[in-house]
N, C-alpha and C. Protein backbone atom coordinates (compact mmCIF):
# COMPACT_ATOMS: atom_id res chain seq x y z
N MET A 1 -18.02 164.44 21.27
CA MET A 1 -18.34 164.99 19.97
C MET A 1 -17.05 165.52 19.33
N ILE A 2 -16.88 165.22 18.05
CA ILE A 2 -15.70 165.67 17.32
C ILE A 2 -15.97 167.06 16.76
N LYS A 3 -15.06 167.96 16.99
CA LYS A 3 -15.18 169.33 16.50
C LYS A 3 -14.36 169.50 15.24
N LEU A 4 -14.80 170.37 14.35
CA LEU A 4 -14.09 170.64 13.11
C LEU A 4 -12.64 171.05 13.38
N VAL A 5 -12.41 171.87 14.37
CA VAL A 5 -11.05 172.31 14.69
C VAL A 5 -10.17 171.11 15.04
N ASP A 6 -10.74 170.09 15.70
CA ASP A 6 -9.96 168.89 16.02
C ASP A 6 -9.58 168.13 14.76
N LEU A 7 -10.50 168.06 13.80
CA LEU A 7 -10.22 167.36 12.55
C LEU A 7 -9.13 168.07 11.76
N LEU A 8 -9.17 169.38 11.77
CA LEU A 8 -8.18 170.14 11.01
C LEU A 8 -6.80 170.07 11.63
N THR A 9 -6.72 169.80 12.91
CA THR A 9 -5.41 169.75 13.56
C THR A 9 -4.87 168.32 13.67
N GLU A 10 -5.63 167.33 13.17
CA GLU A 10 -5.10 165.97 13.15
C GLU A 10 -3.83 165.99 12.30
N SER A 11 -2.91 165.12 12.62
CA SER A 11 -1.67 165.11 11.87
C SER A 11 -1.27 163.68 11.53
N LEU A 12 -0.37 163.59 10.58
CA LEU A 12 0.14 162.29 10.16
C LEU A 12 1.13 161.77 11.19
N PHE A 13 1.19 160.46 11.26
CA PHE A 13 2.23 159.83 12.07
C PHE A 13 3.41 159.53 11.14
N PRO A 14 4.63 159.71 11.61
CA PRO A 14 5.80 159.37 10.77
C PRO A 14 5.76 157.88 10.43
N PHE A 15 6.14 157.56 9.20
CA PHE A 15 6.14 156.17 8.76
C PHE A 15 7.37 155.89 7.91
N HIS A 16 7.65 154.62 7.71
CA HIS A 16 8.75 154.24 6.83
C HIS A 16 8.50 152.85 6.24
N GLU A 17 9.14 152.61 5.10
CA GLU A 17 9.07 151.29 4.49
C GLU A 17 9.90 150.34 5.34
N ASP A 18 9.33 149.18 5.60
CA ASP A 18 9.98 148.20 6.46
C ASP A 18 10.58 147.04 5.68
N ASP A 19 9.94 146.66 4.58
CA ASP A 19 10.40 145.48 3.85
C ASP A 19 9.76 145.45 2.47
N ALA A 20 10.48 144.94 1.50
CA ALA A 20 9.95 144.69 0.16
C ALA A 20 10.39 143.29 -0.25
N THR A 21 9.47 142.53 -0.83
CA THR A 21 9.75 141.15 -1.23
C THR A 21 9.51 141.00 -2.73
N TYR A 22 10.48 140.38 -3.40
CA TYR A 22 10.39 140.16 -4.83
C TYR A 22 10.39 138.66 -5.12
N ASP A 23 9.72 138.28 -6.21
CA ASP A 23 9.69 136.89 -6.64
C ASP A 23 11.09 136.45 -7.07
N GLU A 24 11.50 135.28 -6.63
CA GLU A 24 12.84 134.78 -6.96
C GLU A 24 12.96 134.38 -8.42
N MET A 25 11.83 134.01 -9.04
CA MET A 25 11.87 133.54 -10.43
C MET A 25 11.92 134.70 -11.44
N ASP A 26 10.99 135.65 -11.30
CA ASP A 26 10.90 136.71 -12.31
C ASP A 26 11.17 138.11 -11.77
N ASP A 27 11.54 138.20 -10.49
CA ASP A 27 11.88 139.47 -9.84
C ASP A 27 10.71 140.46 -9.80
N SER A 28 9.46 139.94 -9.91
CA SER A 28 8.30 140.83 -9.80
C SER A 28 8.05 141.15 -8.33
N LEU A 29 7.47 142.30 -8.09
CA LEU A 29 7.19 142.74 -6.73
C LEU A 29 6.04 141.92 -6.15
N LEU A 30 6.27 141.32 -4.97
CA LEU A 30 5.25 140.51 -4.31
C LEU A 30 4.60 141.23 -3.13
N ALA A 31 5.42 141.91 -2.33
CA ALA A 31 4.88 142.52 -1.11
C ALA A 31 5.77 143.67 -0.64
N VAL A 32 5.13 144.65 -0.02
CA VAL A 32 5.84 145.77 0.60
C VAL A 32 5.13 146.08 1.91
N ASP A 33 5.91 146.28 2.96
CA ASP A 33 5.36 146.62 4.27
C ASP A 33 5.88 147.99 4.71
N TYR A 34 4.98 148.75 5.32
CA TYR A 34 5.32 150.02 5.95
C TYR A 34 4.91 149.94 7.40
N VAL A 35 5.57 150.71 8.25
CA VAL A 35 5.21 150.75 9.67
C VAL A 35 5.13 152.19 10.16
N PHE A 36 4.27 152.38 11.17
CA PHE A 36 4.21 153.68 11.84
C PHE A 36 3.79 153.46 13.28
N ASP A 37 4.16 154.41 14.12
CA ASP A 37 3.83 154.34 15.54
C ASP A 37 2.92 155.50 15.91
N THR A 38 1.95 155.19 16.77
CA THR A 38 1.11 156.21 17.41
C THR A 38 1.57 156.25 18.86
N PRO A 39 1.03 157.15 19.65
CA PRO A 39 1.43 157.16 21.06
C PRO A 39 1.12 155.84 21.79
N ASP A 40 0.12 155.08 21.30
CA ASP A 40 -0.29 153.88 22.00
C ASP A 40 0.09 152.56 21.35
N SER A 41 0.37 152.55 20.05
CA SER A 41 0.61 151.29 19.33
C SER A 41 1.52 151.48 18.14
N SER A 42 1.93 150.34 17.59
CA SER A 42 2.67 150.31 16.33
C SER A 42 1.78 149.63 15.31
N TYR A 43 1.79 150.16 14.08
CA TYR A 43 0.92 149.64 13.03
C TYR A 43 1.75 149.25 11.82
N LYS A 44 1.19 148.31 11.05
CA LYS A 44 1.81 147.83 9.83
C LYS A 44 0.79 147.95 8.70
N VAL A 45 1.25 148.45 7.57
CA VAL A 45 0.43 148.53 6.36
C VAL A 45 1.13 147.65 5.32
N SER A 46 0.40 146.63 4.83
CA SER A 46 0.99 145.66 3.90
C SER A 46 0.32 145.74 2.54
N PHE A 47 1.14 145.71 1.51
CA PHE A 47 0.69 145.62 0.12
C PHE A 47 1.15 144.24 -0.36
N TYR A 48 0.21 143.42 -0.83
CA TYR A 48 0.54 142.04 -1.17
C TYR A 48 -0.06 141.66 -2.51
N SER A 49 0.78 141.14 -3.40
CA SER A 49 0.29 140.72 -4.72
C SER A 49 0.51 139.23 -4.95
N GLY A 50 1.02 138.52 -3.99
CA GLY A 50 1.39 137.12 -4.16
C GLY A 50 0.27 136.20 -4.58
N GLU A 51 -0.98 136.56 -4.30
CA GLU A 51 -2.11 135.73 -4.68
C GLU A 51 -2.47 135.90 -6.16
N TYR A 52 -1.90 136.91 -6.78
CA TYR A 52 -2.28 137.25 -8.14
C TYR A 52 -1.18 136.90 -9.12
N ASP A 53 -1.56 136.85 -10.37
CA ASP A 53 -0.61 136.71 -11.46
C ASP A 53 0.22 138.00 -11.49
N ALA A 54 1.52 137.87 -11.60
CA ALA A 54 2.40 139.05 -11.58
C ALA A 54 2.05 140.04 -12.69
N GLU A 55 1.49 139.54 -13.76
CA GLU A 55 1.09 140.41 -14.87
C GLU A 55 -0.11 141.27 -14.51
N ASP A 56 -0.90 140.84 -13.54
CA ASP A 56 -2.12 141.54 -13.14
C ASP A 56 -1.82 142.86 -12.43
N LYS A 57 -0.72 142.92 -11.69
CA LYS A 57 -0.28 144.12 -10.98
C LYS A 57 -1.33 144.64 -10.00
N THR A 58 -1.98 143.71 -9.30
CA THR A 58 -2.98 144.05 -8.28
C THR A 58 -2.42 143.74 -6.91
N PHE A 59 -2.60 144.67 -5.99
CA PHE A 59 -2.12 144.50 -4.63
C PHE A 59 -3.27 144.63 -3.65
N ASP A 60 -3.36 143.68 -2.72
CA ASP A 60 -4.27 143.81 -1.58
C ASP A 60 -3.59 144.68 -0.55
N ILE A 61 -4.34 145.58 0.06
CA ILE A 61 -3.82 146.41 1.14
C ILE A 61 -4.47 145.94 2.44
N SER A 62 -3.64 145.65 3.43
CA SER A 62 -4.17 145.32 4.75
C SER A 62 -3.40 146.14 5.78
N PHE A 63 -4.07 146.46 6.87
CA PHE A 63 -3.40 147.21 7.91
C PHE A 63 -3.99 146.85 9.26
N GLY A 64 -3.15 146.97 10.25
CA GLY A 64 -3.57 146.66 11.60
C GLY A 64 -2.40 146.83 12.55
N GLU A 65 -2.63 146.43 13.78
CA GLU A 65 -1.58 146.54 14.78
C GLU A 65 -0.41 145.65 14.37
N LYS A 66 0.79 146.20 14.48
CA LYS A 66 1.99 145.47 14.08
C LYS A 66 2.14 144.23 14.96
N PRO A 67 2.28 143.07 14.32
CA PRO A 67 2.38 141.83 15.10
C PRO A 67 3.74 141.66 15.75
N GLN A 68 3.74 140.89 16.80
CA GLN A 68 5.00 140.49 17.43
C GLN A 68 5.67 139.49 16.49
N VAL A 69 6.91 139.16 16.74
CA VAL A 69 7.66 138.22 15.91
C VAL A 69 6.86 136.92 15.78
N HIS A 70 6.77 136.41 14.56
CA HIS A 70 6.10 135.14 14.22
C HIS A 70 4.60 135.17 14.45
N HIS A 71 4.00 136.33 14.52
CA HIS A 71 2.55 136.44 14.63
C HIS A 71 2.00 137.08 13.36
N LYS A 72 0.74 136.84 13.09
CA LYS A 72 0.08 137.37 11.91
C LYS A 72 -0.46 138.78 12.20
N LEU A 73 -0.53 139.60 11.16
CA LEU A 73 -1.08 140.95 11.26
C LEU A 73 -2.53 140.88 11.74
N ASP A 74 -2.85 141.63 12.79
CA ASP A 74 -4.20 141.63 13.34
C ASP A 74 -5.02 142.73 12.67
N THR A 75 -5.78 142.36 11.65
CA THR A 75 -6.59 143.33 10.92
C THR A 75 -7.99 143.46 11.50
N PHE A 76 -8.30 142.72 12.55
CA PHE A 76 -9.63 142.75 13.15
C PHE A 76 -9.72 143.70 14.34
N LYS A 77 -8.64 143.86 15.07
CA LYS A 77 -8.65 144.67 16.29
C LYS A 77 -8.86 146.15 15.96
N MET A 78 -9.80 146.78 16.65
CA MET A 78 -10.03 148.21 16.48
C MET A 78 -8.93 148.97 17.21
N THR A 79 -8.59 150.15 16.71
CA THR A 79 -7.49 150.90 17.31
C THR A 79 -7.84 151.36 18.72
N GLY A 80 -9.06 151.82 18.91
CA GLY A 80 -9.47 152.27 20.24
C GLY A 80 -8.71 153.47 20.75
N GLU A 81 -7.99 154.17 19.88
CA GLU A 81 -7.16 155.29 20.31
C GLU A 81 -7.84 156.64 20.15
N GLY A 82 -8.96 156.69 19.44
CA GLY A 82 -9.60 157.97 19.18
C GLY A 82 -8.82 158.81 18.17
N LYS A 83 -7.98 158.19 17.39
CA LYS A 83 -7.14 158.89 16.41
C LYS A 83 -7.42 158.39 14.99
N VAL A 84 -8.67 158.00 14.74
CA VAL A 84 -8.99 157.39 13.45
C VAL A 84 -8.62 158.28 12.27
N TYR A 85 -8.82 159.59 12.39
CA TYR A 85 -8.52 160.49 11.28
C TYR A 85 -7.02 160.51 10.98
N SER A 86 -6.20 160.62 12.01
CA SER A 86 -4.75 160.63 11.81
C SER A 86 -4.26 159.29 11.28
N ILE A 87 -4.84 158.21 11.77
CA ILE A 87 -4.43 156.88 11.31
C ILE A 87 -4.80 156.70 9.85
N VAL A 88 -6.02 157.05 9.46
CA VAL A 88 -6.44 156.90 8.06
C VAL A 88 -5.64 157.85 7.16
N GLN A 89 -5.38 159.08 7.61
CA GLN A 89 -4.55 160.00 6.82
C GLN A 89 -3.16 159.42 6.61
N THR A 90 -2.60 158.82 7.64
CA THR A 90 -1.27 158.21 7.53
C THR A 90 -1.30 157.05 6.54
N ILE A 91 -2.32 156.22 6.62
CA ILE A 91 -2.45 155.10 5.69
C ILE A 91 -2.57 155.61 4.26
N CYS A 92 -3.33 156.67 4.05
CA CYS A 92 -3.46 157.24 2.71
C CYS A 92 -2.12 157.77 2.19
N LYS A 93 -1.34 158.41 3.04
CA LYS A 93 -0.01 158.89 2.63
C LYS A 93 0.90 157.71 2.30
N ILE A 94 0.77 156.63 3.05
CA ILE A 94 1.55 155.43 2.76
C ILE A 94 1.15 154.87 1.39
N ILE A 95 -0.15 154.82 1.10
CA ILE A 95 -0.61 154.34 -0.21
C ILE A 95 -0.02 155.22 -1.31
N GLU A 96 -0.04 156.52 -1.12
CA GLU A 96 0.52 157.44 -2.12
C GLU A 96 2.02 157.21 -2.30
N GLU A 97 2.74 157.00 -1.21
CA GLU A 97 4.18 156.74 -1.33
C GLU A 97 4.44 155.41 -2.04
N PHE A 98 3.65 154.39 -1.71
CA PHE A 98 3.79 153.09 -2.36
C PHE A 98 3.60 153.23 -3.88
N VAL A 99 2.56 153.92 -4.30
CA VAL A 99 2.29 154.10 -5.73
C VAL A 99 3.39 154.93 -6.37
N SER A 100 3.88 155.93 -5.68
CA SER A 100 4.97 156.75 -6.21
C SER A 100 6.25 155.93 -6.39
N GLU A 101 6.54 155.10 -5.41
CA GLU A 101 7.77 154.30 -5.44
C GLU A 101 7.68 153.10 -6.39
N TYR A 102 6.53 152.44 -6.43
CA TYR A 102 6.39 151.18 -7.16
C TYR A 102 5.35 151.25 -8.27
N GLY A 103 5.01 152.45 -8.72
CA GLY A 103 3.93 152.66 -9.68
C GLY A 103 3.99 151.81 -10.93
N ASP A 104 5.19 151.51 -11.43
CA ASP A 104 5.29 150.68 -12.63
C ASP A 104 4.79 149.26 -12.39
N ASP A 105 4.76 148.83 -11.13
CA ASP A 105 4.31 147.49 -10.79
C ASP A 105 2.87 147.46 -10.29
N VAL A 106 2.18 148.62 -10.29
CA VAL A 106 0.86 148.72 -9.66
C VAL A 106 -0.17 149.25 -10.66
N GLU A 107 -1.25 148.48 -10.83
CA GLU A 107 -2.38 148.94 -11.64
C GLU A 107 -3.67 149.00 -10.84
N LYS A 108 -3.78 148.14 -9.81
CA LYS A 108 -4.99 148.08 -8.99
C LYS A 108 -4.60 147.87 -7.53
N LEU A 109 -5.39 148.50 -6.64
CA LEU A 109 -5.23 148.30 -5.21
C LEU A 109 -6.60 147.90 -4.65
N ALA A 110 -6.62 146.91 -3.76
CA ALA A 110 -7.88 146.43 -3.20
C ALA A 110 -7.81 146.43 -1.68
N ILE A 111 -8.86 146.96 -1.07
CA ILE A 111 -8.98 146.96 0.38
C ILE A 111 -10.24 146.17 0.72
N ASP A 112 -10.08 145.14 1.53
CA ASP A 112 -11.21 144.30 1.93
C ASP A 112 -11.40 144.44 3.44
N PRO A 113 -12.31 145.33 3.87
CA PRO A 113 -12.51 145.56 5.31
C PRO A 113 -12.91 144.28 6.03
N THR A 114 -12.50 144.17 7.28
CA THR A 114 -12.79 142.98 8.07
C THR A 114 -14.13 143.07 8.81
N SER A 115 -14.83 144.20 8.67
CA SER A 115 -16.16 144.33 9.27
C SER A 115 -16.94 145.40 8.52
N ASP A 116 -18.26 145.39 8.69
CA ASP A 116 -19.09 146.42 8.06
C ASP A 116 -18.74 147.80 8.59
N LYS A 117 -18.48 147.90 9.89
CA LYS A 117 -18.14 149.18 10.49
C LYS A 117 -16.88 149.75 9.86
N ARG A 118 -15.86 148.91 9.74
CA ARG A 118 -14.62 149.38 9.11
C ARG A 118 -14.87 149.77 7.66
N GLY A 119 -15.66 148.98 6.97
CA GLY A 119 -15.97 149.28 5.58
C GLY A 119 -16.59 150.65 5.43
N ARG A 120 -17.52 150.99 6.31
CA ARG A 120 -18.15 152.32 6.27
C ARG A 120 -17.12 153.41 6.53
N VAL A 121 -16.24 153.20 7.51
CA VAL A 121 -15.20 154.19 7.82
C VAL A 121 -14.26 154.36 6.63
N TYR A 122 -13.81 153.25 6.05
CA TYR A 122 -12.89 153.33 4.91
C TYR A 122 -13.54 154.03 3.73
N LYS A 123 -14.80 153.67 3.42
CA LYS A 123 -15.48 154.27 2.28
C LYS A 123 -15.74 155.76 2.49
N GLU A 124 -15.87 156.18 3.73
CA GLU A 124 -16.10 157.59 4.04
C GLU A 124 -14.80 158.39 4.04
N LEU A 125 -13.75 157.87 4.66
CA LEU A 125 -12.55 158.67 4.89
C LEU A 125 -11.47 158.52 3.82
N ILE A 126 -11.25 157.33 3.31
CA ILE A 126 -10.15 157.15 2.36
C ILE A 126 -10.32 158.04 1.13
N PRO A 127 -11.50 158.12 0.52
CA PRO A 127 -11.63 159.04 -0.63
C PRO A 127 -11.38 160.51 -0.28
N LYS A 128 -11.59 160.89 0.97
CA LYS A 128 -11.34 162.28 1.38
C LYS A 128 -9.86 162.58 1.50
N TYR A 129 -9.08 161.61 1.91
CA TYR A 129 -7.66 161.85 2.18
C TYR A 129 -6.71 161.36 1.10
N LEU A 130 -7.17 160.48 0.23
CA LEU A 130 -6.28 159.91 -0.79
C LEU A 130 -6.32 160.76 -2.06
N ASP A 131 -5.18 160.93 -2.69
CA ASP A 131 -5.07 161.65 -3.95
C ASP A 131 -6.11 161.07 -4.93
N PRO A 132 -6.94 161.92 -5.55
CA PRO A 132 -7.99 161.43 -6.45
C PRO A 132 -7.47 160.57 -7.60
N ALA A 133 -6.29 160.88 -8.11
CA ALA A 133 -5.72 160.07 -9.20
C ALA A 133 -5.43 158.65 -8.72
N ILE A 134 -5.00 158.51 -7.49
CA ILE A 134 -4.72 157.18 -6.94
C ILE A 134 -6.03 156.50 -6.54
N MET A 135 -6.98 157.26 -6.06
CA MET A 135 -8.27 156.69 -5.67
C MET A 135 -8.92 155.97 -6.84
N LYS A 136 -8.64 156.38 -8.07
CA LYS A 136 -9.21 155.73 -9.26
C LYS A 136 -8.79 154.28 -9.39
N ILE A 137 -7.64 153.91 -8.81
CA ILE A 137 -7.20 152.51 -8.92
C ILE A 137 -7.49 151.70 -7.66
N VAL A 138 -8.16 152.32 -6.69
CA VAL A 138 -8.47 151.66 -5.41
C VAL A 138 -9.91 151.16 -5.40
N THR A 139 -10.08 149.92 -4.97
CA THR A 139 -11.40 149.35 -4.76
C THR A 139 -11.53 149.02 -3.28
N ILE A 140 -12.58 149.55 -2.66
CA ILE A 140 -12.87 149.19 -1.27
C ILE A 140 -14.07 148.25 -1.34
N LYS A 141 -13.84 147.00 -1.02
CA LYS A 141 -14.88 145.97 -1.17
C LYS A 141 -15.97 146.10 -0.14
């Protein structure tokens, strides 16, 4: 059972920007990656707009265990660490930093959960931890 005192003492994991990719033709922002480590794993949070028209300024957000070299981001694997609150809080801080850093290039953010369970967790926790002004531009599908 999770106790309120445990929730209040959850903390953020340190994170940093890992990479930013710009379009070679018009220099529009295509993707930005952030990484953070927990005691058990390394995670990657990706913001990607490459599927959209650069004028649309919409970014998909995906996150999961950081892949090994030449592997794809695993957005399906559950963390299994019992640190969901700290992980979601860290992801929310990363979203806030991304918008702060690249806000001129961002009008919409979309999160498409890979399962119903994740969708319920995201819809419950992200609005609690994310700045309300930023939450207005976030859609959790």
